[in-house]
């Protein structure tokens, strides 16, 4: 790691280390404890106000829904794909839907299925984290739970899911950043837990979420999966600390779109103490993601009403099937049969009815069983 990039205003300590395997000397960065009285620069006040207003608007859109899952689930699926692609794991939305429905399991070569498992695990970890926080506070135990679910059955699963690293790691080409040695993790995580459970009143909870995100990524406590766990934690902290009805804010799409600025802003805090640029970047992202999610939510709501109107003489089951498509925009005849407890011919008839109205189309090449997609819903979610 290039020590010359660290200035006197750096937010931590540089220590000498020996790299594993080679024994080559280098330096690592140990971050200071987060300040509980950090003051937001006045020039960022308008940006924070706009971000909080839009976050409230997004939450208001969610609160008006009879079933928030109809819009929450699509946002979470998109987040899972974007967060995983930030780590170089690429799966298309179609592949993920096929995988979740069990319609595209490869007969040989487990490596082909790895990206789909990794993305699906992200969504599962997010839901498990949400369920955990219904009864318990945000804590180091939650972080370990997220990592455990994230790493099940994927590359890196041999690196102790849910367990903190015991070896030195480094980040980026030419060891651009080297986190703290393992012997410092216990103290750093104890300090982080204090920041998780004692928010205080001097720092806005949205800003506090981004301060904690920096701290977690800088500590880098696991051997693998830190980026994804950090973004999972961010979605959950903004939900709990900002008193949202559900976890509506997901930042991975913005971080992916501005990946270089994301990495540089994190490093700028460590090397130069440049908290302002980091928080400004995150607040801009909050505004962009809120506007994007509000638009998608409104479009999905309008489309749902239109789809119900297309069906002549709708039945209660047809109504439920259309609603379900907004949670899972793809179906198979067996999945409809099992979901609603009907016969195979009845399930086929139900799907044919939705195909005839243009709500569903069969995905080309999907067989045994054939998969049917709601393209209008799909385009709003993933475009």
Protein backbone atom coordinates (compact mmCIF):
# COMPACT_ATOMS: atom_id res chain seq x y z
CA UNK A 1 0.00 0.00 0.00
CA UNK A 2 1.30 3.43 -0.93
CA UNK A 3 2.06 5.22 2.36
CA UNK A 4 2.69 8.50 0.54
CA UNK A 5 -1.03 8.84 -0.16
CA UNK A 6 -1.81 9.13 3.54
CA UNK A 7 -1.71 12.65 4.95
CA UNK A 8 -1.59 14.05 8.45
CA UNK A 9 -5.39 14.31 8.37
CA UNK A 10 -5.80 10.55 7.85
CA UNK A 11 -8.44 8.88 10.01
CA UNK A 12 -6.38 6.05 11.41
CA UNK A 13 -2.96 4.55 12.03
CA UNK A 14 -0.54 2.90 9.62
CA UNK A 15 1.21 -0.21 10.95
CA UNK A 16 3.93 -2.40 9.50
CA UNK A 17 2.96 -5.93 8.47
CA UNK A 18 4.40 -8.96 6.70
CA UNK A 19 2.25 -10.32 3.90
CA UNK A 20 1.10 -13.93 4.26
CA UNK A 21 2.88 -16.59 2.19
CA UNK A 22 5.62 -14.29 0.86
CA UNK A 23 6.57 -12.49 4.07
CA UNK A 24 6.99 -9.29 2.03
CA UNK A 25 6.84 -6.13 4.19
CA UNK A 26 3.98 -3.69 3.71
CA UNK A 27 1.69 -1.43 5.75
CA UNK A 28 -1.93 -1.77 6.87
CA UNK A 29 -4.51 0.79 8.00
CA UNK A 30 -6.25 0.70 11.38
CA UNK A 31 -9.21 3.14 11.41
CA UNK A 32 -9.94 5.37 14.38
CA UNK A 33 -13.15 4.91 16.33
CA UNK A 34 -16.05 6.74 14.70
CA UNK A 35 -16.76 10.11 16.29
CA UNK A 36 -20.19 10.40 17.84
CA UNK A 37 -20.18 14.18 17.45
CA UNK A 38 -19.14 14.55 13.80
CA UNK A 39 -20.58 17.78 12.45
CA UNK A 40 -22.08 17.90 8.97
CA UNK A 41 -20.62 20.87 7.01
CA UNK A 42 -23.21 23.59 6.46
CA UNK A 43 -22.81 23.39 2.69
CA UNK A 44 -24.22 19.84 2.82
CA UNK A 45 -27.35 20.79 4.78
CA UNK A 46 -29.50 21.42 1.65
CA UNK A 47 -28.39 18.10 0.18
CA UNK A 48 -29.28 16.26 3.38
CA UNK A 49 -32.67 18.00 3.52
CA UNK A 50 -33.47 16.95 -0.06
CA UNK A 51 -32.32 13.39 0.60
CA UNK A 52 -34.46 13.11 3.74
CA UNK A 53 -37.49 14.60 2.00
CA UNK A 54 -37.27 12.12 -0.87
CA UNK A 55 -36.65 9.24 1.51
CA UNK A 56 -39.86 10.25 3.30
CA UNK A 57 -41.69 10.39 -0.02
CA UNK A 58 -40.46 6.91 -0.94
CA UNK A 59 -41.58 5.59 2.44
CA UNK A 60 -44.94 7.27 1.93
CA UNK A 61 -45.39 5.47 -1.38
CA UNK A 62 -44.69 2.20 0.39
CA UNK A 63 -47.06 2.94 3.26
CA UNK A 64 -50.02 3.38 0.91
CA UNK A 65 -49.75 -0.20 -0.34
CA UNK A 66 -52.02 -2.90 1.02
CA UNK A 67 -49.17 -5.39 0.48
CA UNK A 68 -45.73 -3.70 0.53
CA UNK A 69 -44.10 -6.92 -0.70
CA UNK A 70 -45.58 -6.26 -4.14
CA UNK A 71 -43.06 -3.46 -4.61
CA UNK A 72 -40.44 -4.29 -2.00
CA UNK A 73 -39.54 -7.67 -3.49
CA UNK A 74 -38.72 -6.26 -6.98
CA UNK A 75 -36.48 -3.60 -5.44
CA UNK A 76 -34.67 -6.24 -3.40
CA UNK A 77 -34.15 -8.50 -6.41
CA UNK A 78 -32.64 -5.61 -8.33
CA UNK A 79 -30.41 -4.77 -5.37
CA UNK A 80 -29.17 -8.36 -5.19
CA UNK A 81 -28.16 -8.30 -8.85
CA UNK A 82 -26.44 -4.90 -8.63
CA UNK A 83 -24.57 -5.63 -5.43
CA UNK A 84 -23.27 -8.92 -6.76
CA UNK A 85 -22.14 -7.39 -10.05
CA UNK A 86 -20.06 -4.89 -8.07
CA UNK A 87 -18.06 -7.90 -6.89
CA UNK A 88 -17.69 -9.33 -10.39
CA UNK A 89 -20.55 -11.83 -10.07
CA UNK A 90 -22.76 -11.43 -13.12
CA UNK A 91 -26.17 -13.03 -13.51
CA UNK A 92 -29.01 -11.79 -15.68
CA UNK A 93 -32.46 -11.25 -14.20
CA UNK A 94 -33.77 -13.99 -16.47
CA UNK A 95 -31.20 -16.45 -15.15
CA UNK A 96 -32.07 -15.57 -11.56
CA UNK A 97 -35.78 -16.10 -12.18
CA UNK A 98 -35.14 -19.42 -13.90
CA UNK A 99 -32.95 -20.53 -11.01
CA UNK A 100 -35.48 -19.54 -8.35
CA UNK A 101 -38.21 -21.45 -10.19
CA UNK A 102 -35.95 -24.47 -10.65
CA UNK A 103 -36.39 -24.31 -14.42
CA UNK A 104 -32.76 -23.98 -15.43
CA UNK A 105 -30.62 -26.20 -13.26
CA UNK A 106 -27.54 -27.38 -15.18
CA UNK A 107 -27.06 -31.13 -15.32
CA UNK A 108 -23.28 -30.89 -15.01
CA UNK A 109 -20.74 -28.32 -13.94
CA UNK A 110 -21.64 -26.69 -10.63
CA UNK A 111 -19.56 -23.64 -11.59
CA UNK A 112 -22.31 -22.58 -14.02
CA UNK A 113 -24.79 -22.19 -11.18
CA UNK A 114 -22.48 -20.25 -8.83
CA UNK A 115 -23.51 -16.71 -9.91
CA UNK A 116 -27.19 -17.54 -9.49
CA UNK A 117 -26.64 -18.96 -6.03
CA UNK A 118 -24.62 -15.91 -4.99
CA UNK A 119 -27.33 -13.50 -6.13
CA UNK A 120 -30.11 -15.57 -4.58
CA UNK A 121 -28.14 -15.73 -1.31
CA UNK A 122 -27.98 -11.94 -1.21
CA UNK A 123 -31.75 -11.68 -1.36
CA UNK A 124 -32.11 -14.40 1.29
CA UNK A 125 -29.61 -12.67 3.58
CA UNK A 126 -31.49 -9.39 3.24
CA UNK A 127 -34.76 -11.02 4.23
CA UNK A 128 -33.13 -12.88 7.13
CA UNK A 129 -31.60 -9.62 8.34
CA UNK A 130 -35.00 -7.94 8.22
CA UNK A 131 -36.59 -10.75 10.21
CA UNK A 132 -33.76 -10.63 12.76
CA UNK A 133 -34.21 -6.90 13.33
CA UNK A 134 -37.90 -7.29 14.09
CA UNK A 135 -36.84 -8.65 17.50
CA UNK A 136 -33.18 -7.67 17.98
CA UNK A 137 -31.03 -4.54 17.59
CA UNK A 138 -28.40 -3.96 14.92
CA UNK A 139 -25.26 -5.63 16.19
CA UNK A 140 -22.14 -7.60 15.32
CA UNK A 141 -24.30 -10.73 15.63
CA UNK A 142 -26.43 -9.43 12.77
CA UNK A 143 -23.31 -8.88 10.64
CA UNK A 144 -22.22 -12.46 11.23
CA UNK A 145 -25.72 -13.70 10.40
CA UNK A 146 -25.70 -11.80 7.09
CA UNK A 147 -22.31 -13.22 6.14
CA UNK A 148 -23.35 -16.74 7.05
CA UNK A 149 -26.40 -16.62 4.76
CA UNK A 150 -24.47 -14.88 2.00
CA UNK A 151 -21.72 -17.49 1.78
CA UNK A 152 -23.79 -20.67 1.85
CA UNK A 153 -22.86 -23.00 -1.01
CA UNK A 154 -20.81 -20.48 -3.00
CA UNK A 155 -17.19 -19.66 -3.76
CA UNK A 156 -15.58 -18.61 -0.50
CA UNK A 157 -17.86 -20.88 1.53
CA UNK A 158 -14.66 -22.55 2.75
CA UNK A 159 -13.65 -19.23 4.30
CA UNK A 160 -15.70 -19.72 7.46
CA UNK A 161 -19.19 -18.27 6.84
CA UNK A 162 -20.17 -16.04 9.72
CA UNK A 163 -16.66 -16.08 11.18
CA UNK A 164 -14.22 -13.18 11.19
CA UNK A 165 -10.95 -13.57 9.34
CA UNK A 166 -7.78 -14.83 10.98
CA UNK A 167 -5.45 -13.89 8.14
CA UNK A 168 -4.31 -10.68 6.49
CA UNK A 169 -6.21 -9.59 3.38
CA UNK A 170 -5.72 -6.79 0.88
CA UNK A 171 -7.92 -5.00 -1.62
CA UNK A 172 -7.41 -4.04 -5.24
CA UNK A 173 -4.64 -4.19 -7.77
CA UNK A 174 -1.14 -3.80 -6.33
CA UNK A 175 -2.59 -3.93 -2.80
CA UNK A 176 -4.27 -0.54 -3.20
CA UNK A 177 -5.67 -0.80 0.34
CA UNK A 178 -4.70 -3.15 3.16
CA UNK A 179 -7.12 -3.42 6.10
CA UNK A 180 -6.10 -3.92 9.71
CA UNK A 181 -4.25 -7.09 10.74
CA UNK A 182 -6.43 -9.81 12.34
CA UNK A 183 -5.09 -9.16 15.84
CA UNK A 184 -6.78 -5.72 15.77
CA UNK A 185 -10.20 -6.99 14.67
CA UNK A 186 -11.59 -7.69 18.13
CA UNK A 187 -11.05 -4.12 19.31
CA UNK A 188 -12.25 -2.60 16.03
CA UNK A 189 -15.44 -4.67 16.01
CA UNK A 190 -16.13 -3.86 19.67
CA UNK A 191 -15.84 -0.19 18.78
CA UNK A 192 -18.05 -0.68 15.72
CA UNK A 193 -20.73 -2.32 17.83
CA UNK A 194 -20.76 0.78 20.02
CA UNK A 195 -21.43 2.86 16.91
CA UNK A 196 -24.19 0.47 15.85
CA UNK A 197 -26.04 0.62 19.14
CA UNK A 198 -25.39 4.19 20.31
CA UNK A 199 -26.50 6.50 17.53
CA UNK A 200 -26.86 9.59 19.68
CA UNK A 201 -28.65 12.78 18.69
CA UNK A 202 -25.89 14.92 17.19
CA UNK A 203 -25.55 13.01 13.91
CA UNK A 204 -28.47 12.56 11.52
CA UNK A 205 -29.37 8.84 11.29
CA UNK A 206 -29.00 8.78 7.49
CA UNK A 207 -25.53 10.32 7.75
CA UNK A 208 -24.71 7.91 10.56
CA UNK A 209 -25.59 4.98 8.28
CA UNK A 210 -22.99 6.14 5.77
CA UNK A 211 -20.35 6.72 8.45
CA UNK A 212 -20.88 3.14 9.64
CA UNK A 213 -20.74 1.85 6.07
CA UNK A 214 -17.31 3.43 5.65
CA UNK A 215 -16.14 1.96 8.96
CA UNK A 216 -17.30 -1.56 8.15
CA UNK A 217 -15.74 -1.59 4.69
CA UNK A 218 -12.49 -0.22 6.08
CA UNK A 219 -12.28 -2.84 8.84
CA UNK A 220 -13.04 -5.54 6.25
CA UNK A 221 -13.64 -8.20 8.92
CA UNK A 222 -14.24 -11.24 6.69
CA UNK A 223 -11.98 -13.13 4.31
CA UNK A 224 -14.56 -12.70 1.53
CA UNK A 225 -17.94 -11.06 0.97
CA UNK A 226 -17.25 -7.79 2.82
CA UNK A 227 -18.62 -5.54 0.09
CA UNK A 228 -21.91 -7.38 -0.12
CA UNK A 229 -22.31 -7.61 3.66
CA UNK A 230 -21.57 -3.88 3.92
CA UNK A 231 -24.31 -3.02 1.43
CA UNK A 232 -26.75 -5.38 3.13
CA UNK A 233 -25.99 -3.68 6.43
CA UNK A 234 -26.47 -0.26 4.83
CA UNK A 235 -29.97 -1.15 3.59
CA UNK A 236 -30.90 -2.36 7.06
CA UNK A 237 -29.40 0.55 9.02
CA UNK A 238 -31.14 3.17 6.85
CA UNK A 239 -34.41 1.33 7.41
CA UNK A 240 -34.08 1.06 11.19
CA UNK A 241 -32.35 4.30 12.02
CA UNK A 242 -34.44 6.46 9.67
CA UNK A 243 -37.66 4.84 10.99
CA UNK A 244 -38.86 3.71 7.56
CA UNK A 245 -41.82 1.34 7.31
CA UNK A 246 -39.72 -1.13 5.28
CA UNK A 247 -36.15 -1.25 3.85
CA UNK A 248 -36.85 0.88 0.77
CA UNK A 249 -33.43 2.40 0.08
CA UNK A 250 -30.88 0.34 -1.90
CA UNK A 251 -27.62 1.93 -2.98
CA UNK A 252 -25.84 -0.78 -4.98
CA UNK A 253 -27.06 0.48 -8.37
CA UNK A 254 -25.62 3.94 -7.62
CA UNK A 255 -22.37 2.50 -6.26
CA UNK A 256 -22.03 0.33 -9.35
CA UNK A 257 -22.77 3.23 -11.70
CA UNK A 258 -20.12 5.36 -9.97
CA UNK A 259 -17.79 2.58 -8.90
CA UNK A 260 -14.54 4.54 -9.23
CA UNK A 261 -15.91 7.49 -7.25
CA UNK A 262 -17.26 5.08 -4.62
CA UNK A 263 -13.83 3.48 -4.15
CA UNK A 264 -11.97 6.80 -4.26
CA UNK A 265 -14.35 8.42 -1.75
CA UNK A 266 -13.89 5.59 0.74
CA UNK A 267 -10.12 5.80 0.36
CA UNK A 268 -10.27 9.59 0.68
CA UNK A 269 -11.70 9.27 4.17
CA UNK A 270 -8.90 6.96 5.27
CA UNK A 271 -6.02 8.78 3.61
CA UNK A 272 -7.10 12.41 3.95
CA UNK A 273 -9.95 12.51 6.45
CA UNK A 274 -12.23 13.69 3.64
CA UNK A 275 -15.55 12.86 5.27
CA UNK A 276 -17.39 15.65 3.45
CA UNK A 277 -16.80 14.24 -0.03
CA UNK A 278 -17.85 10.78 1.12
CA UNK A 279 -21.09 12.00 2.71
CA UNK A 280 -21.83 14.27 -0.26
CA UNK A 281 -21.40 11.30 -2.60
CA UNK A 282 -23.76 9.18 -0.49
CA UNK A 283 -26.40 11.90 -0.21
CA UNK A 284 -26.36 12.37 -3.98
CA UNK A 285 -26.82 8.64 -4.27
CA UNK A 286 -29.73 8.69 -1.83
CA UNK A 287 -31.48 11.33 -3.90
CA UNK A 288 -30.89 9.47 -7.16
CA UNK A 289 -31.97 6.11 -5.78
CA UNK A 290 -35.07 7.52 -4.08
CA UNK A 291 -36.18 9.20 -7.30
CA UNK A 292 -35.52 6.01 -9.23
CA UNK A 293 -37.41 3.81 -6.77
CA UNK A 294 -40.34 6.24 -6.54
CA UNK A 295 -40.64 6.20 -10.33
CA UNK A 296 -40.50 2.40 -10.48
CA UNK A 297 -43.01 2.05 -7.66
CA UNK A 298 -45.46 4.44 -9.31
CA UNK A 299 -45.10 2.71 -12.68
CA UNK A 300 -45.59 -0.72 -11.12
CA UNK A 301 -48.69 0.49 -9.27
CA UNK A 302 -50.21 1.91 -12.46
CA UNK A 303 -49.39 -1.25 -14.39
CA UNK A 304 -50.99 -3.45 -11.74
CA UNK A 305 -54.28 -1.56 -12.06
CA UNK A 306 -54.13 -1.80 -15.85
CA UNK A 307 -53.51 -5.56 -15.76
CA UNK A 308 -56.54 -6.16 -13.56
CA UNK A 309 -58.67 -4.16 -16.01
CA UNK A 310 -57.55 -6.29 -18.96
CA UNK A 311 -59.12 -9.46 -17.58
CA UNK A 312 -62.75 -10.03 -18.51
CA UNK A 313 -64.81 -11.61 -15.75
CA UNK A 314 -61.85 -11.95 -13.36
CA UNK A 315 -61.92 -14.57 -10.63
CA UNK A 316 -60.44 -14.30 -7.16
CA UNK A 317 -57.64 -16.61 -8.26
CA UNK A 318 -56.84 -14.49 -11.33
CA UNK A 319 -56.62 -11.42 -9.08
CA UNK A 320 -54.16 -13.21 -6.80
CA UNK A 321 -52.11 -14.45 -9.74
CA UNK A 322 -51.66 -10.93 -11.13
CA UNK A 323 -50.71 -9.61 -7.70
CA UNK A 324 -48.20 -12.43 -7.31
CA UNK A 325 -46.48 -11.51 -10.57
CA UNK A 326 -45.31 -8.27 -8.97
CA UNK A 327 -43.43 -10.30 -6.38
CA UNK A 328 -42.21 -12.96 -8.82
CA UNK A 329 -42.65 -11.85 -12.47
CA UNK A 330 -42.20 -15.35 -13.86
CA UNK A 331 -44.18 -18.55 -13.45
CA UNK A 332 -44.37 -22.11 -14.67
CA UNK A 333 -47.45 -24.30 -14.89
CA UNK A 334 -46.22 -26.46 -11.98
CA UNK A 335 -45.53 -23.36 -9.85
CA UNK A 336 -49.07 -22.08 -10.41
CA UNK A 337 -50.48 -25.55 -9.72
CA UNK A 338 -48.61 -25.78 -6.41
CA UNK A 339 -49.18 -22.16 -5.38
CA UNK A 340 -52.97 -22.30 -5.71
CA UNK A 341 -53.65 -25.99 -5.15
CA UNK A 342 -55.27 -26.58 -8.54
CA UNK A 343 -54.85 -29.29 -11.14
CA UNK A 344 -52.26 -29.08 -13.90
CA UNK A 345 -54.92 -28.45 -16.62
CA UNK A 346 -56.45 -25.66 -14.53
CA UNK A 347 -53.03 -24.07 -13.98
CA UNK A 348 -52.35 -24.27 -17.71
CA UNK A 349 -55.70 -22.68 -18.45
CA UNK A 350 -54.94 -19.83 -16.02
CA UNK A 351 -51.59 -19.16 -17.67
CA UNK A 352 -53.11 -19.34 -21.15
CA UNK A 353 -55.61 -16.69 -20.11
CA UNK A 354 -52.83 -14.34 -19.01
CA UNK A 355 -50.88 -15.09 -22.19
CA UNK A 356 -53.92 -14.21 -24.33
CA UNK A 357 -54.19 -10.80 -22.65
CA UNK A 358 -50.48 -10.09 -23.15
CA UNK A 359 -49.68 -10.17 -19.44
CA UNK A 360 -47.46 -13.25 -19.82
CA UNK A 361 -45.24 -14.46 -22.66
CA UNK A 362 -43.34 -17.72 -22.85
CA UNK A 363 -39.58 -17.32 -22.54
CA UNK A 364 -37.95 -18.62 -25.68
CA UNK A 365 -35.89 -21.72 -25.06
CA UNK A 366 -37.33 -22.49 -21.62
CA UNK A 367 -38.56 -26.07 -21.45
CA UNK A 368 -39.31 -28.75 -18.87
CA UNK A 369 -41.14 -26.84 -17.54
CA UNK A 370 -41.71 -23.85 -19.81
CA UNK A 371 -41.38 -20.50 -18.05
CA UNK A 372 -43.68 -17.56 -18.64
CA UNK A 373 -42.58 -13.99 -18.01
CA UNK A 374 -44.53 -10.77 -17.36
CA UNK A 375 -42.39 -8.54 -19.65
CA UNK A 376 -43.97 -5.21 -18.66
CA UNK A 377 -43.27 -5.85 -14.97
CA UNK A 378 -39.82 -7.18 -15.78
CA UNK A 379 -38.88 -4.08 -17.80
CA UNK A 380 -39.94 -1.67 -15.06
CA UNK A 381 -37.98 -3.57 -12.41
CA UNK A 382 -34.76 -4.26 -14.27
CA UNK A 383 -34.43 -1.70 -17.03
